[in-house]
């Protein structure tokens, strides 16, 4: 009796796909989106993405600010 109630992960995913495919598909897409967003945010911070050549507003920085050394001189 105990073996009948035990299911592997593959069996549960297969049953879930047969019963509620939209929930499983949207969950998979959500995890993919979270992963891509994490990679995108990491690359944005790593490449100093806030240092854009053309900004919509002016930013005034003091000369002793550490970010002042990173400003583009284009």
C-alpha atoms as a PDB file:
ATOM      1  CA  UNK A   1       0.000   0.000   0.000  1.00  0.00           C
ATOM      2  CA  UNK A   2       2.842   2.400   0.786  1.00  0.00           C
ATOM      3  CA  UNK A   3       4.448   1.876  -2.624  1.00  0.00           C
ATOM      4  CA  UNK A   4       1.220   2.884  -4.400  1.00  0.00           C
ATOM      5  CA  UNK A   5       1.228   6.318  -2.751  1.00  0.00           C
ATOM      6  CA  UNK A   6       4.913   6.968  -3.501  1.00  0.00           C
ATOM      7  CA  UNK A   7       5.623   8.794  -6.714  1.00  0.00           C
ATOM      8  CA  UNK A   8       8.774  10.006  -8.281  1.00  0.00           C
ATOM      9  CA  UNK A   9       9.305  13.573  -9.371  1.00  0.00           C
ATOM     10  CA  UNK A  10       8.951  12.585 -13.004  1.00  0.00           C
ATOM     11  CA  UNK A  11       5.576  10.977 -12.360  1.00  0.00           C
ATOM     12  CA  UNK A  12       4.345  14.054 -10.510  1.00  0.00           C
ATOM     13  CA  UNK A  13       5.468  16.365 -13.312  1.00  0.00           C
ATOM     14  CA  UNK A  14       3.810  14.143 -15.897  1.00  0.00           C
ATOM     15  CA  UNK A  15       0.545  14.081 -13.945  1.00  0.00           C
ATOM     16  CA  UNK A  16       0.727  17.834 -13.408  1.00  0.00           C
ATOM     17  CA  UNK A  17       1.342  18.408 -17.122  1.00  0.00           C
ATOM     18  CA  UNK A  18      -1.728  16.291 -17.942  1.00  0.00           C
ATOM     19  CA  UNK A  19      -3.963  18.017 -15.380  1.00  0.00           C
ATOM     20  CA  UNK A  20      -2.746  21.641 -15.225  1.00  0.00           C
ATOM     21  CA  UNK A  21      -0.391  22.336 -18.134  1.00  0.00           C
ATOM     22  CA  UNK A  22      -0.876  26.114 -18.048  1.00  0.00           C
ATOM     23  CA  UNK A  23       0.337  26.311 -14.453  1.00  0.00           C
ATOM     24  CA  UNK A  24       3.423  24.198 -15.112  1.00  0.00           C
ATOM     25  CA  UNK A  25       4.258  26.035 -18.341  1.00  0.00           C
ATOM     26  CA  UNK A  26       3.882  29.473 -16.759  1.00  0.00           C
ATOM     27  CA  UNK A  27       5.962  28.365 -13.771  1.00  0.00           C
ATOM     28  CA  UNK A  28       8.743  27.243 -16.098  1.00  0.00           C
ATOM     29  CA  UNK A  29       8.589  30.523 -18.018  1.00  0.00           C
ATOM     30  CA  UNK A  30       8.628  32.468 -14.740  1.00  0.00           C
ATOM     31  CA  UNK A  31      11.795  30.669 -13.615  1.00  0.00           C
ATOM     32  CA  UNK A  32      13.408  31.343 -17.001  1.00  0.00           C
ATOM     33  CA  UNK A  33      12.446  35.028 -16.728  1.00  0.00           C
ATOM     34  CA  UNK A  34      13.847  35.321 -13.226  1.00  0.00           C
ATOM     35  CA  UNK A  35      17.102  33.739 -14.396  1.00  0.00           C
ATOM     36  CA  UNK A  36      17.408  36.070 -17.396  1.00  0.00           C
ATOM     37  CA  UNK A  37      16.579  39.113 -15.258  1.00  0.00           C
ATOM     38  CA  UNK A  38      19.251  38.121 -12.735  1.00  0.00           C
ATOM     39  CA  UNK A  39      21.867  37.773 -15.473  1.00  0.00           C
ATOM     40  CA  UNK A  40      20.785  41.091 -17.001  1.00  0.00           C
ATOM     41  CA  UNK A  41      20.999  42.965 -13.693  1.00  0.00           C
ATOM     42  CA  UNK A  42      24.382  41.408 -12.952  1.00  0.00           C
ATOM     43  CA  UNK A  43      25.745  42.498 -16.344  1.00  0.00           C
ATOM     44  CA  UNK A  44      24.263  45.987 -15.888  1.00  0.00           C
ATOM     45  CA  UNK A  45      26.066  46.472 -12.586  1.00  0.00           C
ATOM     46  CA  UNK A  46      29.270  44.788 -13.802  1.00  0.00           C
ATOM     47  CA  UNK A  47      29.621  47.025 -16.868  1.00  0.00           C
ATOM     48  CA  UNK A  48      28.614  50.216 -14.994  1.00  0.00           C
ATOM     49  CA  UNK A  49      25.320  50.507 -16.877  1.00  0.00           C
ATOM     50  CA  UNK A  50      24.329  53.702 -15.070  1.00  0.00           C
ATOM     51  CA  UNK A  51      27.156  55.548 -16.847  1.00  0.00           C
ATOM     52  CA  UNK A  52      25.218  56.379 -20.013  1.00  0.00           C
ATOM     53  CA  UNK A  53      26.551  58.754 -22.638  1.00  0.00           C
ATOM     54  CA  UNK A  54      23.261  60.639 -23.017  1.00  0.00           C
ATOM     55  CA  UNK A  55      21.158  61.080 -19.895  1.00  0.00           C
ATOM     56  CA  UNK A  56      17.727  62.642 -19.668  1.00  0.00           C
ATOM     57  CA  UNK A  57      18.694  64.700 -16.587  1.00  0.00           C
ATOM     58  CA  UNK A  58      21.858  66.443 -15.531  1.00  0.00           C
ATOM     59  CA  UNK A  59      23.842  65.045 -12.630  1.00  0.00           C
ATOM     60  CA  UNK A  60      26.194  67.212 -10.602  1.00  0.00           C
ATOM     61  CA  UNK A  61      29.015  65.363  -8.841  1.00  0.00           C
ATOM     62  CA  UNK A  62      31.741  66.522  -6.572  1.00  0.00           C
ATOM     63  CA  UNK A  63      35.286  65.996  -7.773  1.00  0.00           C
ATOM     64  CA  UNK A  64      36.116  63.767  -4.776  1.00  0.00           C
ATOM     65  CA  UNK A  65      33.191  61.394  -5.499  1.00  0.00           C
ATOM     66  CA  UNK A  66      34.466  57.908  -6.518  1.00  0.00           C
ATOM     67  CA  UNK A  67      31.932  57.786  -9.368  1.00  0.00           C
ATOM     68  CA  UNK A  68      33.421  60.967 -10.869  1.00  0.00           C
ATOM     69  CA  UNK A  69      36.461  58.985 -12.039  1.00  0.00           C
ATOM     70  CA  UNK A  70      34.203  56.643 -14.044  1.00  0.00           C
ATOM     71  CA  UNK A  71      32.394  59.335 -16.047  1.00  0.00           C
ATOM     72  CA  UNK A  72      32.876  59.152 -19.779  1.00  0.00           C
ATOM     73  CA  UNK A  73      34.619  62.082 -21.392  1.00  0.00           C
ATOM     74  CA  UNK A  74      33.130  61.433 -24.877  1.00  0.00           C
END
